[in-house]
Amino acid sequence: RTDLFDFDLPDGLIALRPVHPRDAARLLLVRPGEPDVLADKV
């Protein structure tokens, strides 16, 4: 079912410009099955 892939996103989180420098963007590490599944990086 397509609705299984739905979620709500606040309009304010839609990026209208990229960050500079480009590699300053945030990076979410996603590791299924590991104790720390999520980790915040850049």
PDB file of all heavy atoms in Angstrom:
ATOM      1  N   ARG A   1       0.840  -1.192   0.000  1.00  0.00           N
ATOM      2  CA  ARG A   1       0.000   0.000   0.000  1.00  0.00           C
ATOM      3  C   ARG A   1       0.885   1.256   0.000  1.00  0.00           C
ATOM      4  O   ARG A   1       1.828   1.385   0.779  1.00  0.00           O
ATOM      5  CB  ARG A   1      -0.909   0.033   1.225  1.00  0.00           C
ATOM      6  CG  ARG A   1      -1.940  -1.079   1.278  1.00  0.00           C
ATOM      7  CD  ARG A   1      -3.098  -0.711   2.202  1.00  0.00           C
ATOM      8  NE  ARG A   1      -2.718   0.115   3.323  1.00  0.00           N
ATOM      9  CZ  ARG A   1      -2.338  -0.346   4.532  1.00  0.00           C
ATOM     10  NH1 ARG A   1      -2.267  -1.656   4.734  1.00  0.00           N
ATOM     11  NH2 ARG A   1      -2.030   0.477   5.514  1.00  0.00           N
ATOM     12  N   THR A   2       0.545   2.192  -0.867  1.00  0.00           N
ATOM     13  CA  THR A   2       1.319   3.417  -0.976  1.00  0.00           C
ATOM     14  C   THR A   2       1.297   4.228   0.311  1.00  0.00           C
ATOM     15  O   THR A   2       2.289   4.877   0.665  1.00  0.00           O
ATOM     16  CB  THR A   2       0.770   4.262  -2.143  1.00  0.00           C
ATOM     17  OG1 THR A   2       0.779   3.470  -3.341  1.00  0.00           O
ATOM     18  CG2 THR A   2       1.605   5.507  -2.362  1.00  0.00           C
ATOM     19  N   ASP A   3       0.170   4.190   1.046  1.00  0.00           N
ATOM     20  CA  ASP A   3       0.073   5.019   2.249  1.00  0.00           C
ATOM     21  C   ASP A   3       1.032   4.564   3.352  1.00  0.00           C
ATOM     22  O   ASP A   3       1.251   5.300   4.328  1.00  0.00           O
ATOM     23  CB  ASP A   3      -1.359   5.083   2.762  1.00  0.00           C
ATOM     24  CG  ASP A   3      -1.933   3.714   3.134  1.00  0.00           C
ATOM     25  OD1 ASP A   3      -1.200   2.709   3.095  1.00  0.00           O
ATOM     26  OD2 ASP A   3      -3.137   3.662   3.467  1.00  0.00           O
ATOM     27  N   LEU A   4       1.631   3.376   3.231  1.00  0.00           N
ATOM     28  CA  LEU A   4       2.624   2.937   4.203  1.00  0.00           C
ATOM     29  C   LEU A   4       3.885   3.800   4.149  1.00  0.00           C
ATOM     30  O   LEU A   4       4.685   3.820   5.092  1.00  0.00           O
ATOM     31  CB  LEU A   4       3.011   1.478   3.948  1.00  0.00           C
ATOM     32  CG  LEU A   4       1.918   0.434   4.178  1.00  0.00           C
ATOM     33  CD1 LEU A   4       2.391  -0.940   3.737  1.00  0.00           C
ATOM     34  CD2 LEU A   4       1.504   0.409   5.646  1.00  0.00           C
ATOM     35  N   PHE A   5       4.073   4.521   3.044  1.00  0.00           N
ATOM     36  CA  PHE A   5       5.265   5.327   2.843  1.00  0.00           C
ATOM     37  C   PHE A   5       4.992   6.818   3.028  1.00  0.00           C
ATOM     38  O   PHE A   5       5.744   7.670   2.553  1.00  0.00           O
ATOM     39  CB  PHE A   5       5.835   5.069   1.443  1.00  0.00           C
ATOM     40  CG  PHE A   5       6.143   3.623   1.193  1.00  0.00           C
ATOM     41  CD1 PHE A   5       5.196   2.782   0.614  1.00  0.00           C
ATOM     42  CD2 PHE A   5       7.362   3.080   1.565  1.00  0.00           C
ATOM     43  CE1 PHE A   5       5.470   1.440   0.392  1.00  0.00           C
ATOM     44  CE2 PHE A   5       7.644   1.740   1.347  1.00  0.00           C
ATOM     45  CZ  PHE A   5       6.697   0.923   0.765  1.00  0.00           C
ATOM     46  N   ASP A   6       3.936   7.136   3.758  1.00  0.00           N
ATOM     47  CA  ASP A   6       3.559   8.527   3.986  1.00  0.00           C
ATOM     48  C   ASP A   6       4.164   9.027   5.292  1.00  0.00           C
ATOM     49  O   ASP A   6       4.418   8.251   6.218  1.00  0.00           O
ATOM     50  CB  ASP A   6       2.038   8.657   4.038  1.00  0.00           C
ATOM     51  CG  ASP A   6       1.558  10.032   3.608  1.00  0.00           C
ATOM     52  OD1 ASP A   6       2.412  10.907   3.351  1.00  0.00           O
ATOM     53  OD2 ASP A   6       0.336  10.239   3.541  1.00  0.00           O
ATOM     54  N   PHE A   7       4.427  10.306   5.363  1.00  0.00           N
ATOM     55  CA  PHE A   7       4.838  10.951   6.611  1.00  0.00           C
ATOM     56  C   PHE A   7       4.586  12.449   6.470  1.00  0.00           C
ATOM     57  O   PHE A   7       4.437  12.971   5.366  1.00  0.00           O
ATOM     58  CB  PHE A   7       6.311  10.674   6.938  1.00  0.00           C
ATOM     59  CG  PHE A   7       7.292  11.145   5.891  1.00  0.00           C
ATOM     60  CD1 PHE A   7       7.817  12.429   5.920  1.00  0.00           C
ATOM     61  CD2 PHE A   7       7.718  10.291   4.882  1.00  0.00           C
ATOM     62  CE1 PHE A   7       8.718  12.863   4.957  1.00  0.00           C
ATOM     63  CE2 PHE A   7       8.629  10.708   3.919  1.00  0.00           C
ATOM     64  CZ  PHE A   7       9.128  12.004   3.962  1.00  0.00           C
ATOM     65  N   ASP A   8       4.516  13.132   7.601  1.00  0.00           N
ATOM     66  CA  ASP A   8       4.274  14.576   7.603  1.00  0.00           C
ATOM     67  C   ASP A   8       5.585  15.321   7.766  1.00  0.00           C
ATOM     68  O   ASP A   8       6.381  15.022   8.659  1.00  0.00           O
ATOM     69  CB  ASP A   8       3.320  14.961   8.742  1.00  0.00           C
ATOM     70  CG  ASP A   8       1.917  14.407   8.534  1.00  0.00           C
ATOM     71  OD1 ASP A   8       1.464  14.390   7.373  1.00  0.00           O
ATOM     72  OD2 ASP A   8       1.296  13.982   9.520  1.00  0.00           O
ATOM     73  N   LEU A   9       5.817  16.297   6.904  1.00  0.00           N
ATOM     74  CA  LEU A   9       7.030  17.101   6.965  1.00  0.00           C
ATOM     75  C   LEU A   9       6.658  18.577   7.087  1.00  0.00           C
ATOM     76  O   LEU A   9       5.948  19.109   6.226  1.00  0.00           O
ATOM     77  CB  LEU A   9       7.877  16.906   5.710  1.00  0.00           C
ATOM     78  CG  LEU A   9       9.179  17.705   5.690  1.00  0.00           C
ATOM     79  CD1 LEU A   9      10.181  17.101   6.669  1.00  0.00           C
ATOM     80  CD2 LEU A   9       9.763  17.786   4.293  1.00  0.00           C
ATOM     81  N   PRO A  10       7.122  19.256   8.123  1.00  0.00           N
ATOM     82  CA  PRO A  10       6.879  20.703   8.229  1.00  0.00           C
ATOM     83  C   PRO A  10       7.506  21.450   7.051  1.00  0.00           C
ATOM     84  O   PRO A  10       8.641  21.158   6.645  1.00  0.00           O
ATOM     85  CB  PRO A  10       7.560  21.084   9.552  1.00  0.00           C
ATOM     86  CG  PRO A  10       7.654  19.805  10.326  1.00  0.00           C
ATOM     87  CD  PRO A  10       7.836  18.723   9.297  1.00  0.00           C
ATOM     88  N   ASP A  11       6.781  22.414   6.496  1.00  0.00           N
ATOM     89  CA  ASP A  11       7.280  23.166   5.346  1.00  0.00           C
ATOM     90  C   ASP A  11       8.615  23.835   5.633  1.00  0.00           C
ATOM     91  O   ASP A  11       9.448  23.992   4.736  1.00  0.00           O
ATOM     92  CB  ASP A  11       6.262  24.228   4.922  1.00  0.00           C
ATOM     93  CG  ASP A  11       5.059  23.627   4.209  1.00  0.00           C
ATOM     94  OD1 ASP A  11       5.140  22.454   3.799  1.00  0.00           O
ATOM     95  OD2 ASP A  11       4.048  24.328   4.055  1.00  0.00           O
ATOM     96  N   GLY A  12       8.832  24.223   6.889  1.00  0.00           N
ATOM     97  CA  GLY A  12      10.063  24.918   7.242  1.00  0.00           C
ATOM     98  C   GLY A  12      11.317  24.068   7.122  1.00  0.00           C
ATOM     99  O   GLY A  12      12.431  24.601   7.180  1.00  0.00           O
ATOM    100  N   LEU A  13      11.172  22.764   6.945  1.00  0.00           N
ATOM    101  CA  LEU A  13      12.338  21.882   6.809  1.00  0.00           C
ATOM    102  C   LEU A  13      12.699  21.586   5.359  1.00  0.00           C
ATOM    103  O   LEU A  13      13.623  20.830   5.095  1.00  0.00           O
ATOM    104  CB  LEU A  13      12.093  20.567   7.558  1.00  0.00           C
ATOM    105  CG  LEU A  13      11.911  20.686   9.068  1.00  0.00           C
ATOM    106  CD1 LEU A  13      11.816  19.307   9.706  1.00  0.00           C
ATOM    107  CD2 LEU A  13      13.029  21.496   9.711  1.00  0.00           C
ATOM    108  N   ILE A  14      11.976  22.193   4.419  1.00  0.00           N
ATOM    109  CA  ILE A  14      12.321  22.052   3.002  1.00  0.00           C
ATOM    110  C   ILE A  14      13.393  23.078   2.671  1.00  0.00           C
ATOM    111  O   ILE A  14      13.163  24.287   2.753  1.00  0.00           O
ATOM    112  CB  ILE A  14      11.092  22.242   2.099  1.00  0.00           C
ATOM    113  CG1 ILE A  14      10.025  21.189   2.417  1.00  0.00           C
ATOM    114  CG2 ILE A  14      11.495  22.160   0.621  1.00  0.00           C
ATOM    115  CD1 ILE A  14       8.725  21.394   1.675  1.00  0.00           C
ATOM    116  N   ALA A  15      14.587  22.622   2.332  1.00  0.00           N
ATOM    117  CA  ALA A  15      15.712  23.522   2.068  1.00  0.00           C
ATOM    118  C   ALA A  15      15.500  24.269   0.754  1.00  0.00           C
ATOM    119  O   ALA A  15      15.262  23.646  -0.283  1.00  0.00           O
ATOM    120  CB  ALA A  15      17.014  22.730   2.017  1.00  0.00           C
ATOM    121  N   LEU A  16      15.603  25.583   0.808  1.00  0.00           N
ATOM    122  CA  LEU A  16      15.490  26.401  -0.393  1.00  0.00           C
ATOM    123  C   LEU A  16      16.851  26.788  -0.953  1.00  0.00           C
ATOM    124  O   LEU A  16      16.954  27.215  -2.100  1.00  0.00           O
ATOM    125  CB  LEU A  16      14.667  27.663  -0.097  1.00  0.00           C
ATOM    126  CG  LEU A  16      13.237  27.426   0.400  1.00  0.00           C
ATOM    127  CD1 LEU A  16      12.505  28.743   0.564  1.00  0.00           C
ATOM    128  CD2 LEU A  16      12.475  26.509  -0.548  1.00  0.00           C
ATOM    129  N   ARG A  17      17.891  26.652  -0.152  1.00  0.00           N
ATOM    130  CA  ARG A  17      19.271  26.876  -0.570  1.00  0.00           C
ATOM    131  C   ARG A  17      20.145  25.834   0.114  1.00  0.00           C
ATOM    132  O   ARG A  17      19.835  25.383   1.216  1.00  0.00           O
ATOM    133  CB  ARG A  17      19.770  28.265  -0.157  1.00  0.00           C
ATOM    134  CG  ARG A  17      19.000  29.428  -0.739  1.00  0.00           C
ATOM    135  CD  ARG A  17      19.454  29.749  -2.134  1.00  0.00           C
ATOM    136  NE  ARG A  17      18.782  30.952  -2.645  1.00  0.00           N
ATOM    137  CZ  ARG A  17      18.921  31.399  -3.890  1.00  0.00           C
ATOM    138  NH1 ARG A  17      19.725  30.763  -4.735  1.00  0.00           N
ATOM    139  NH2 ARG A  17      18.280  32.478  -4.289  1.00  0.00           N
ATOM    140  N   PRO A  18      21.250  25.455  -0.499  1.00  0.00           N
ATOM    141  CA  PRO A  18      22.173  24.535   0.181  1.00  0.00           C
ATOM    142  C   PRO A  18      23.042  25.283   1.177  1.00  0.00           C
ATOM    143  O   PRO A  18      23.168  26.513   1.114  1.00  0.00           O
ATOM    144  CB  PRO A  18      23.020  23.996  -0.978  1.00  0.00           C
ATOM    145  CG  PRO A  18      23.041  25.126  -1.964  1.00  0.00           C
ATOM    146  CD  PRO A  18      21.695  25.792  -1.863  1.00  0.00           C
ATOM    147  N   VAL A  19      23.655  24.542   2.088  1.00  0.00           N
ATOM    148  CA  VAL A  19      24.640  25.145   2.975  1.00  0.00           C
ATOM    149  C   VAL A  19      25.955  25.315   2.220  1.00  0.00           C
ATOM    150  O   VAL A  19      26.206  24.626   1.223  1.00  0.00           O
ATOM    151  CB  VAL A  19      24.867  24.293   4.244  1.00  0.00           C
ATOM    152  CG1 VAL A  19      23.592  24.175   5.047  1.00  0.00           C
ATOM    153  CG2 VAL A  19      25.413  22.923   3.883  1.00  0.00           C
ATOM    154  N   HIS A  20      26.761  26.226   2.685  1.00  0.00           N
ATOM    155  CA  HIS A  20      28.094  26.427   2.115  1.00  0.00           C
ATOM    156  C   HIS A  20      29.108  26.431   3.246  1.00  0.00           C
ATOM    157  O   HIS A  20      28.874  27.068   4.269  1.00  0.00           O
ATOM    158  CB  HIS A  20      28.149  27.735   1.328  1.00  0.00           C
ATOM    159  CG  HIS A  20      27.375  27.698   0.038  1.00  0.00           C
ATOM    160  ND1 HIS A  20      27.838  27.060  -1.096  1.00  0.00           N
ATOM    161  CD2 HIS A  20      26.160  28.206  -0.295  1.00  0.00           C
ATOM    162  CE1 HIS A  20      26.947  27.186  -2.072  1.00  0.00           C
ATOM    163  NE2 HIS A  20      25.912  27.884  -1.603  1.00  0.00           N
ATOM    164  N   PRO A  21      30.233  25.734   3.114  1.00  0.00           N
ATOM    165  CA  PRO A  21      30.576  24.858   1.984  1.00  0.00           C
ATOM    166  C   PRO A  21      29.674  23.636   1.939  1.00  0.00           C
ATOM    167  O   PRO A  21      29.025  23.304   2.928  1.00  0.00           O
ATOM    168  CB  PRO A  21      32.023  24.475   2.267  1.00  0.00           C
ATOM    169  CG  PRO A  21      32.141  24.556   3.750  1.00  0.00           C
ATOM    170  CD  PRO A  21      31.272  25.707   4.148  1.00  0.00           C
ATOM    171  N   ARG A  22      29.657  22.969   0.820  1.00  0.00           N
ATOM    172  CA  ARG A  22      28.723  21.868   0.606  1.00  0.00           C
ATOM    173  C   ARG A  22      28.920  20.741   1.610  1.00  0.00           C
ATOM    174  O   ARG A  22      27.962  20.096   2.020  1.00  0.00           O
ATOM    175  CB  ARG A  22      28.882  21.311  -0.819  1.00  0.00           C
ATOM    176  CG  ARG A  22      28.527  22.301  -1.905  1.00  0.00           C
ATOM    177  CD  ARG A  22      28.599  21.648  -3.272  1.00  0.00           C
ATOM    178  NE  ARG A  22      28.363  22.621  -4.341  1.00  0.00           N
ATOM    179  CZ  ARG A  22      27.974  22.284  -5.570  1.00  0.00           C
ATOM    180  NH1 ARG A  22      27.801  21.006  -5.875  1.00  0.00           N
ATOM    181  NH2 ARG A  22      27.781  23.200  -6.487  1.00  0.00           N
ATOM    182  N   ASP A  23      30.172  20.496   2.009  1.00  0.00           N
ATOM    183  CA  ASP A  23      30.410  19.381   2.930  1.00  0.00           C
ATOM    184  C   ASP A  23      30.127  19.734   4.388  1.00  0.00           C
ATOM    185  O   ASP A  23      30.408  18.945   5.288  1.00  0.00           O
ATOM    186  CB  ASP A  23      31.822  18.822   2.775  1.00  0.00           C
ATOM    187  CG  ASP A  23      32.906  19.859   3.002  1.00  0.00           C
ATOM    188  OD1 ASP A  23      32.582  20.996   3.385  1.00  0.00           O
ATOM    189  OD2 ASP A  23      34.100  19.531   2.791  1.00  0.00           O
ATOM    190  N   ALA A  24      29.529  20.919   4.607  1.00  0.00           N
ATOM    191  CA  ALA A  24      29.057  21.272   5.952  1.00  0.00           C
ATOM    192  C   ALA A  24      27.642  20.760   6.198  1.00  0.00           C
ATOM    193  O   ALA A  24      27.114  20.899   7.307  1.00  0.00           O
ATOM    194  CB  ALA A  24      29.102  22.784   6.158  1.00  0.00           C
ATOM    195  N   ALA A  25      27.027  20.162   5.197  1.00  0.00           N
ATOM    196  CA  ALA A  25      25.682  19.598   5.370  1.00  0.00           C
ATOM    197  C   ALA A  25      25.702  18.515   6.442  1.00  0.00           C
ATOM    198  O   ALA A  25      26.708  17.827   6.637  1.00  0.00           O
ATOM    199  CB  ALA A  25      25.181  19.022   4.047  1.00  0.00           C
ATOM    200  N   ARG A  26      24.597  18.361   7.110  1.00  0.00           N
ATOM    201  CA  ARG A  26      24.489  17.325   8.136  1.00  0.00           C
ATOM    202  C   ARG A  26      24.339  15.952   7.485  1.00  0.00           C
ATOM    203  O   ARG A  26      23.859  15.835   6.349  1.00  0.00           O
ATOM    204  CB  ARG A  26      23.321  17.628   9.065  1.00  0.00           C
ATOM    205  CG  ARG A  26      23.476  18.948   9.798  1.00  0.00           C
ATOM    206  CD  ARG A  26      22.236  19.337  10.549  1.00  0.00           C
ATOM    207  NE  ARG A  26      22.050  18.501  11.738  1.00  0.00           N
ATOM    208  CZ  ARG A  26      20.973  18.575  12.529  1.00  0.00           C
ATOM    209  NH1 ARG A  26      19.997  19.423  12.260  1.00  0.00           N
ATOM    210  NH2 ARG A  26      20.889  17.794  13.597  1.00  0.00           N
ATOM    211  N   LEU A  27      24.764  14.935   8.217  1.00  0.00           N
ATOM    212  CA  LEU A  27      24.746  13.563   7.709  1.00  0.00           C
ATOM    213  C   LEU A  27      24.220  12.647   8.802  1.00  0.00           C
ATOM    214  O   LEU A  27      24.816  12.568   9.885  1.00  0.00           O
ATOM    215  CB  LEU A  27      26.160  13.136   7.297  1.00  0.00           C
ATOM    216  CG  LEU A  27      26.333  11.697   6.809  1.00  0.00           C
ATOM    217  CD1 LEU A  27      25.596  11.482   5.494  1.00  0.00           C
ATOM    218  CD2 LEU A  27      27.819  11.361   6.652  1.00  0.00           C
ATOM    219  N   LEU A  28      23.108  11.985   8.528  1.00  0.00           N
ATOM    220  CA  LEU A  28      22.533  11.031   9.480  1.00  0.00           C
ATOM    221  C   LEU A  28      23.014   9.632   9.119  1.00  0.00           C
ATOM    222  O   LEU A  28      22.751   9.136   8.019  1.00  0.00           O
ATOM    223  CB  LEU A  28      21.004  11.094   9.448  1.00  0.00           C
ATOM    224  CG  LEU A  28      20.283  10.142  10.409  1.00  0.00           C
ATOM    225  CD1 LEU A  28      20.666  10.422  11.851  1.00  0.00           C
ATOM    226  CD2 LEU A  28      18.762  10.235  10.220  1.00  0.00           C
ATOM    227  N   LEU A  29      23.715   9.013  10.053  1.00  0.00           N
ATOM    228  CA  LEU A  29      24.200   7.652   9.866  1.00  0.00           C
ATOM    229  C   LEU A  29      23.111   6.676  10.300  1.00  0.00           C
ATOM    230  O   LEU A  29      22.604   6.765  11.420  1.00  0.00           O
ATOM    231  CB  LEU A  29      25.464   7.444  10.697  1.00  0.00           C
ATOM    232  CG  LEU A  29      26.309   6.200  10.454  1.00  0.00           C
ATOM    233  CD1 LEU A  29      26.777   6.127   9.014  1.00  0.00           C
ATOM    234  CD2 LEU A  29      27.494   6.193  11.422  1.00  0.00           C
ATOM    235  N   VAL A  30      22.716   5.770   9.395  1.00  0.00           N
ATOM    236  CA  VAL A  30      21.632   4.821   9.655  1.00  0.00           C
ATOM    237  C   VAL A  30      22.193   3.407   9.509  1.00  0.00           C
ATOM    238  O   VAL A  30      22.570   2.991   8.408  1.00  0.00           O
ATOM    239  CB  VAL A  30      20.453   5.035   8.684  1.00  0.00           C
ATOM    240  CG1 VAL A  30      19.309   4.069   9.003  1.00  0.00           C
ATOM    241  CG2 VAL A  30      19.955   6.478   8.743  1.00  0.00           C
ATOM    242  N   ARG A  31      22.236   2.662  10.652  1.00  0.00           N
ATOM    243  CA  ARG A  31      22.841   1.331  10.674  1.00  0.00           C
ATOM    244  C   ARG A  31      21.856   0.338  11.285  1.00  0.00           C
ATOM    245  O   ARG A  31      21.874   0.111  12.501  1.00  0.00           O
ATOM    246  CB  ARG A  31      24.136   1.371  11.482  1.00  0.00           C
ATOM    247  CG  ARG A  31      25.189   2.316  10.914  1.00  0.00           C
ATOM    248  CD  ARG A  31      26.268   2.616  11.914  1.00  0.00           C
ATOM    249  NE  ARG A  31      25.742   3.350  13.070  1.00  0.00           N
ATOM    250  CZ  ARG A  31      26.497   3.861  14.041  1.00  0.00           C
ATOM    251  NH1 ARG A  31      27.806   3.713  13.991  1.00  0.00           N
ATOM    252  NH2 ARG A  31      25.948   4.514  15.050  1.00  0.00           N
ATOM    253  N   PRO A  32      20.977  -0.241  10.459  1.00  0.00           N
ATOM    254  CA  PRO A  32      19.988  -1.195  10.977  1.00  0.00           C
ATOM    255  C   PRO A  32      20.665  -2.360  11.688  1.00  0.00           C
ATOM    256  O   PRO A  32      21.703  -2.866  11.251  1.00  0.00           O
ATOM    257  CB  PRO A  32      19.259  -1.666   9.715  1.00  0.00           C
ATOM    258  CG  PRO A  32      19.525  -0.614   8.695  1.00  0.00           C
ATOM    259  CD  PRO A  32      20.874  -0.064   9.010  1.00  0.00           C
ATOM    260  N   GLY A  33      20.081  -2.771  12.802  1.00  0.00           N
ATOM    261  CA  GLY A  33      20.578  -3.934  13.519  1.00  0.00           C
ATOM    262  C   GLY A  33      21.688  -3.653  14.494  1.00  0.00           C
ATOM    263  O   GLY A  33      22.067  -4.526  15.283  1.00  0.00           O
ATOM    264  N   GLU A  34      22.266  -2.436  14.487  1.00  0.00           N
ATOM    265  CA  GLU A  34      23.320  -2.106  15.441  1.00  0.00           C
ATOM    266  C   GLU A  34      22.713  -1.434  16.673  1.00  0.00           C
ATOM    267  O   GLU A  34      21.633  -0.845  16.607  1.00  0.00           O
ATOM    268  CB  GLU A  34      24.356  -1.200  14.783  1.00  0.00           C
ATOM    269  CG  GLU A  34      25.091  -1.878  13.632  1.00  0.00           C
ATOM    270  CD  GLU A  34      26.320  -1.106  13.189  1.00  0.00           C
ATOM    271  OE1 GLU A  34      26.797  -0.255  13.972  1.00  0.00           O
ATOM    272  OE2 GLU A  34      26.791  -1.356  12.066  1.00  0.00           O
ATOM    273  N   PRO A  35      23.407  -1.502  17.814  1.00  0.00           N
ATOM    274  CA  PRO A  35      22.859  -0.909  19.049  1.00  0.00           C
ATOM    275  C   PRO A  35      22.525   0.570  18.887  1.00  0.00           C
ATOM    276  O   PRO A  35      21.469   1.028  19.341  1.00  0.00           O
ATOM    277  CB  PRO A  35      23.990  -1.129  20.068  1.00  0.00           C
ATOM    278  CG  PRO A  35      24.740  -2.317  19.544  1.00  0.00           C
ATOM    279  CD  PRO A  35      24.676  -2.216  18.056  1.00  0.00           C
ATOM    280  N   ASP A  36      23.431   1.339  18.260  1.00  0.00           N
ATOM    281  CA  ASP A  36      23.161   2.746  17.968  1.00  0.00           C
ATOM    282  C   ASP A  36      22.795   2.868  16.501  1.00  0.00           C
ATOM    283  O   ASP A  36      23.660   3.093  15.644  1.00  0.00           O
ATOM    284  CB  ASP A  36      24.382   3.606  18.295  1.00  0.00           C
ATOM    285  CG  ASP A  36      24.742   3.550  19.776  1.00  0.00           C
ATOM    286  OD1 ASP A  36      23.807   3.510  20.588  1.00  0.00           O
ATOM    287  OD2 ASP A  36      25.943   3.535  20.094  1.00  0.00           O
ATOM    288  N   VAL A  37      21.512   2.697  16.238  1.00  0.00           N
ATOM    289  CA  VAL A  37      21.060   2.671  14.840  1.00  0.00           C
ATOM    290  C   VAL A  37      21.314   4.003  14.158  1.00  0.00           C
ATOM    291  O   VAL A  37      21.746   4.055  13.000  1.00  0.00           O
ATOM    292  CB  VAL A  37      19.566   2.300  14.764  1.00  0.00           C
ATOM    293  CG1 VAL A  37      19.066   2.374  13.320  1.00  0.00           C
ATOM    294  CG2 VAL A  37      19.331   0.915  15.340  1.00  0.00           C
ATOM    295  N   LEU A  38      21.069   5.108  14.864  1.00  0.00           N
ATOM    296  CA  LEU A  38      21.172   6.442  14.289  1.00  0.00           C
ATOM    297  C   LEU A  38      22.303   7.216  14.952  1.00  0.00           C
ATOM    298  O   LEU A  38      22.498   7.126  16.166  1.00  0.00           O
ATOM    299  CB  LEU A  38      19.858   7.207  14.457  1.00  0.00           C
ATOM    300  CG  LEU A  38      18.591   6.516  13.933  1.00  0.00           C
ATOM    301  CD1 LEU A  38      17.366   7.366  14.247  1.00  0.00           C
ATOM    302  CD2 LEU A  38      18.697   6.255  12.433  1.00  0.00           C
ATOM    303  N   ALA A  39      23.037   7.981  14.157  1.00  0.00           N
ATOM    304  CA  ALA A  39      24.090   8.838  14.692  1.00  0.00           C
ATOM    305  C   ALA A  39      24.167  10.106  13.843  1.00  0.00           C
ATOM    306  O   ALA A  39      24.106  10.048  12.610  1.00  0.00           O
ATOM    307  CB  ALA A  39      25.431   8.119  14.695  1.00  0.00           C
ATOM    308  N   ASP A  40      24.311  11.245  14.504  1.00  0.00           N
ATOM    309  CA  ASP A  40      24.356  12.534  13.825  1.00  0.00           C
ATOM    310  C   ASP A  40      25.800  12.904  13.490  1.00  0.00           C
ATOM    311  O   ASP A  40      26.655  12.987  14.383  1.00  0.00           O
ATOM    312  CB  ASP A  40      23.725  13.620  14.702  1.00  0.00           C
ATOM    313  CG  ASP A  40      22.258  13.342  14.997  1.00  0.00           C
ATOM    314  OD1 ASP A  40      21.489  13.206  14.029  1.00  0.00           O
ATOM    315  OD2 ASP A  40      21.892  13.256  16.187  1.00  0.00           O
ATOM    316  N   LYS A  41      26.054  13.141  12.227  1.00  0.00           N
ATOM    317  CA  LYS A  41      27.379  13.510  11.736  1.00  0.00           C
ATOM    318  C   LYS A  41      27.232  14.703  10.799  1.00  0.00           C
ATOM    319  O   LYS A  41      26.165  15.290  10.663  1.00  0.00           O
ATOM    320  CB  LYS A  41      28.021  12.336  10.990  1.00  0.00           C
ATOM    321  CG  LYS A  41      28.085  11.029  11.779  1.00  0.00           C
ATOM    322  CD  LYS A  41      29.109  11.070  12.877  1.00  0.00           C
ATOM    323  CE  LYS A  41      29.217   9.739  13.595  1.00  0.00           C
ATOM    324  NZ  LYS A  41      30.257   9.765  14.674  1.00  0.00           N
ATOM    325  N   VAL A  42      28.339  15.054  10.128  1.00  0.00           N
ATOM    326  CA  VAL A  42      28.314  16.013   9.032  1.00  0.00           C
ATOM    327  C   VAL A  42      29.032  15.378   7.847  1.00  0.00           C
ATOM    328  O   VAL A  42      29.795  14.416   8.007  1.00  0.00           O
ATOM    329  CB  VAL A  42      28.973  17.364   9.402  1.00  0.00           C
ATOM    330  CG1 VAL A  42      28.180  18.066  10.482  1.00  0.00           C
ATOM    331  CG2 VAL A  42      30.423  17.173   9.812  1.00  0.00           C
TER     332      VAL A  42
END
